[in-house]
Amino acid sequence: MTSTTIAELPWWDLAEVADHDAAIFGPTAWTLGYYWSVKAQNGTVMLAARTASAGETDVDGTATDSEFTASAGELAGWIVMSGAGAEADVMTIATTEAARGTGIGRALLQAGIDWAKERGSEVVHLEVDERNAAALGMYASFGFEEWGRRPDYYPGAAGILMRLRIGD
């Protein structure tokens, strides 16, 4: 059995996330320096999902499930959100190859939306590569709607601008 925990991403895990980002996004990946600069900005949150097998033990043989920390377990994905006033943005979201299709992306997106709601946001914006069918399907299932396009925003593809109204 595998358990998943989503927690705020500590600064000491930024290099790990940047390495995975480079493997996933290639030429459009965020650099470690960019992750650092975003982490330092007011109004942002970085959340990471980590998985651990149930019953996994520490060196002393005690179970670690109840002691799960932000850095414990295998990185499964992350989301970076920003917010100002009534608006929030999904700045980036990704799951590792091993975690795809397991619901991690949905859990991270829900955690980001919950963060936006808690800070009083009324709308969440994002942009996505028009070729990313899995992400487009997930966003649509949450109720995100396309409201514009940025031609050639990604190498060889448009960026689809989407929004979700979350205000009452």
Protein backbone atom coordinates (compact mmCIF):
# COMPACT_ATOMS: atom_id res chain seq x y z
CA MET A 1 0.00 0.00 0.00
CA THR A 2 1.27 3.48 -0.86
CA SER A 3 0.39 6.63 1.01
CA THR A 4 0.69 10.13 -0.42
CA THR A 5 1.26 13.33 1.46
CA ILE A 6 1.03 16.86 0.08
CA ALA A 7 2.95 19.47 2.05
CA GLU A 8 4.66 22.79 1.50
CA LEU A 9 7.91 22.30 -0.42
CA PRO A 10 10.90 23.16 1.79
CA TRP A 11 13.78 25.12 0.29
CA TRP A 12 16.16 22.18 0.64
CA ASP A 13 14.09 20.19 -1.89
CA LEU A 14 14.21 22.83 -4.64
CA ALA A 15 17.16 21.21 -6.45
CA GLU A 16 15.34 17.87 -6.59
CA VAL A 17 12.25 19.52 -8.05
CA ALA A 18 14.32 21.51 -10.57
CA ASP A 19 16.02 18.28 -11.72
CA HIS A 20 12.66 16.59 -12.29
CA ASP A 21 11.33 19.74 -13.97
CA ALA A 22 14.21 19.66 -16.47
CA ALA A 23 13.53 16.00 -17.27
CA ILE A 24 9.80 16.65 -17.79
CA PHE A 25 9.75 20.02 -19.54
CA GLY A 26 13.11 20.13 -21.31
CA PRO A 27 13.77 23.55 -22.86
CA THR A 28 10.84 25.23 -21.08
CA ALA A 29 11.76 23.92 -17.61
CA TRP A 30 12.26 26.27 -14.70
CA THR A 31 15.84 26.55 -13.51
CA LEU A 32 16.88 26.10 -9.90
CA GLY A 33 17.54 29.84 -9.75
CA TYR A 34 14.02 30.55 -10.96
CA TYR A 35 12.53 28.21 -8.34
CA TRP A 36 14.51 30.10 -5.69
CA SER A 37 13.26 33.48 -6.93
CA VAL A 38 9.64 32.33 -7.01
CA LYS A 39 9.92 30.77 -3.54
CA ALA A 40 11.11 34.15 -2.23
CA GLN A 41 8.08 36.02 -3.61
CA ASN A 42 5.21 37.01 -1.36
CA GLY A 43 1.89 35.47 -2.32
CA THR A 44 3.25 32.18 -3.59
CA VAL A 45 3.12 28.63 -2.31
CA MET A 46 4.96 25.53 -3.49
CA LEU A 47 3.40 22.20 -2.61
CA ALA A 48 4.97 18.78 -3.18
CA ALA A 49 3.40 15.33 -3.23
CA ARG A 50 5.50 12.49 -1.88
CA THR A 51 4.73 8.81 -1.71
CA ALA A 52 5.89 6.21 0.78
CA SER A 53 5.04 2.56 1.13
CA ALA A 54 2.87 1.82 4.14
CA GLY A 55 4.89 0.26 6.89
CA GLU A 56 8.15 1.70 5.60
CA THR A 57 10.57 1.91 8.49
CA ASP A 58 13.35 4.12 9.71
CA VAL A 59 16.78 2.74 10.55
CA ASP A 60 15.56 2.03 14.09
CA GLY A 61 12.65 -0.04 12.75
CA THR A 62 9.80 2.34 13.64
CA ALA A 63 7.03 3.05 11.14
CA THR A 64 7.37 6.37 9.35
CA ASP A 65 3.80 6.89 8.07
CA SER A 66 2.80 8.96 11.08
CA GLU A 67 6.05 10.91 10.97
CA PHE A 68 5.81 11.83 7.29
CA THR A 69 7.64 15.10 6.63
CA ALA A 70 7.77 17.33 3.59
CA SER A 71 11.02 15.73 2.43
CA ALA A 72 10.23 12.10 3.31
CA GLY A 73 9.30 9.65 0.57
CA GLU A 74 9.65 9.76 -3.17
CA LEU A 75 8.78 12.96 -5.03
CA ALA A 76 5.60 12.34 -7.06
CA GLY A 77 4.74 15.88 -8.17
CA TRP A 78 4.46 19.55 -7.29
CA ILE A 79 2.40 22.65 -7.87
CA VAL A 80 3.38 26.31 -7.59
CA MET A 81 0.60 28.83 -7.01
CA SER A 82 0.60 32.60 -6.81
CA GLY A 83 -2.15 34.87 -5.68
CA ALA A 84 -2.92 38.57 -5.49
CA GLY A 85 -6.27 40.06 -4.63
CA ALA A 86 -9.13 38.02 -6.07
CA GLU A 87 -6.95 36.16 -8.57
CA ALA A 88 -4.67 33.17 -8.31
CA ASP A 89 -2.50 31.43 -10.86
CA VAL A 90 -1.23 27.91 -11.31
CA MET A 91 2.33 28.87 -12.18
CA THR A 92 3.41 25.27 -12.78
CA ILE A 93 2.20 21.79 -11.98
CA ALA A 94 3.81 18.45 -12.80
CA THR A 95 3.90 14.82 -11.83
CA THR A 96 6.89 12.57 -12.16
CA GLU A 97 6.72 9.87 -14.80
CA ALA A 98 6.32 7.18 -12.13
CA ALA A 99 3.32 8.98 -10.61
CA ARG A 100 1.36 9.69 -13.79
CA GLY A 101 -2.11 8.25 -13.92
CA THR A 102 -2.31 7.75 -10.15
CA GLY A 103 -4.37 10.83 -9.23
CA ILE A 104 -1.40 12.85 -7.92
CA GLY A 105 -1.97 15.65 -10.42
CA ARG A 106 -5.64 15.91 -9.42
CA ALA A 107 -4.72 15.97 -5.72
CA LEU A 108 -2.13 18.69 -6.30
CA LEU A 109 -4.51 20.81 -8.37
CA GLN A 110 -7.20 20.48 -5.69
CA ALA A 111 -4.66 21.50 -3.03
CA GLY A 112 -3.77 24.56 -5.13
CA ILE A 113 -7.42 25.50 -5.61
CA ASP A 114 -8.01 25.06 -1.87
CA TRP A 115 -5.04 27.37 -1.16
CA ALA A 116 -6.52 29.97 -3.53
CA LYS A 117 -9.93 29.74 -1.86
CA GLU A 118 -8.41 30.14 1.61
CA ARG A 119 -6.75 33.38 0.57
CA GLY A 120 -9.97 34.78 -0.88
CA SER A 121 -9.38 34.24 -4.59
CA GLU A 122 -12.40 34.24 -6.86
CA VAL A 123 -10.73 32.90 -9.98
CA VAL A 124 -7.77 30.63 -10.77
CA HIS A 125 -5.89 31.06 -14.05
CA LEU A 126 -3.47 28.76 -15.84
CA GLU A 127 -1.97 28.15 -19.22
CA VAL A 128 -1.21 24.82 -20.81
CA ASP A 129 0.46 23.51 -23.94
CA GLU A 130 -2.27 22.80 -26.49
CA ARG A 131 -0.69 19.36 -27.11
CA ASN A 132 -1.02 18.25 -23.46
CA ALA A 133 -4.25 16.24 -23.75
CA ALA A 134 -3.98 14.70 -20.28
CA ALA A 135 -3.67 18.09 -18.59
CA LEU A 136 -6.43 19.61 -20.72
CA GLY A 137 -8.75 16.76 -19.72
CA MET A 138 -7.92 17.14 -16.05
CA TYR A 139 -8.46 20.91 -16.11
CA ALA A 140 -11.79 20.52 -17.93
CA SER A 141 -12.93 17.96 -15.33
CA PHE A 142 -12.37 20.62 -12.64
CA GLY A 143 -14.43 23.13 -14.62
CA PHE A 144 -11.61 25.22 -16.11
CA GLU A 145 -12.66 26.92 -19.35
CA GLU A 146 -10.54 28.19 -22.21
CA TRP A 147 -10.66 31.96 -22.56
CA GLY A 148 -7.76 32.65 -24.91
CA ARG A 149 -4.61 31.44 -26.64
CA ARG A 150 -1.02 32.56 -26.89
CA PRO A 151 0.30 31.54 -30.31
CA ASP A 152 3.78 29.95 -30.25
CA TYR A 153 4.03 30.33 -26.47
CA TYR A 154 5.56 26.86 -26.21
CA PRO A 155 8.07 25.53 -28.76
CA GLY A 156 5.87 24.71 -31.75
CA ALA A 157 2.57 25.08 -29.89
CA ALA A 158 0.12 27.59 -28.54
CA GLY A 159 -0.53 28.09 -24.86
CA ILE A 160 -4.18 27.71 -23.96
CA LEU A 161 -5.32 30.20 -21.32
CA MET A 162 -7.86 28.72 -18.91
CA ARG A 163 -9.72 29.92 -15.82
CA LEU A 164 -11.88 28.52 -13.08
CA ARG A 165 -14.25 30.70 -11.09
CA ILE A 166 -14.15 29.67 -7.42
CA GLY A 167 -15.80 32.64 -5.75
CA ASP A 168 -19.25 32.35 -4.24
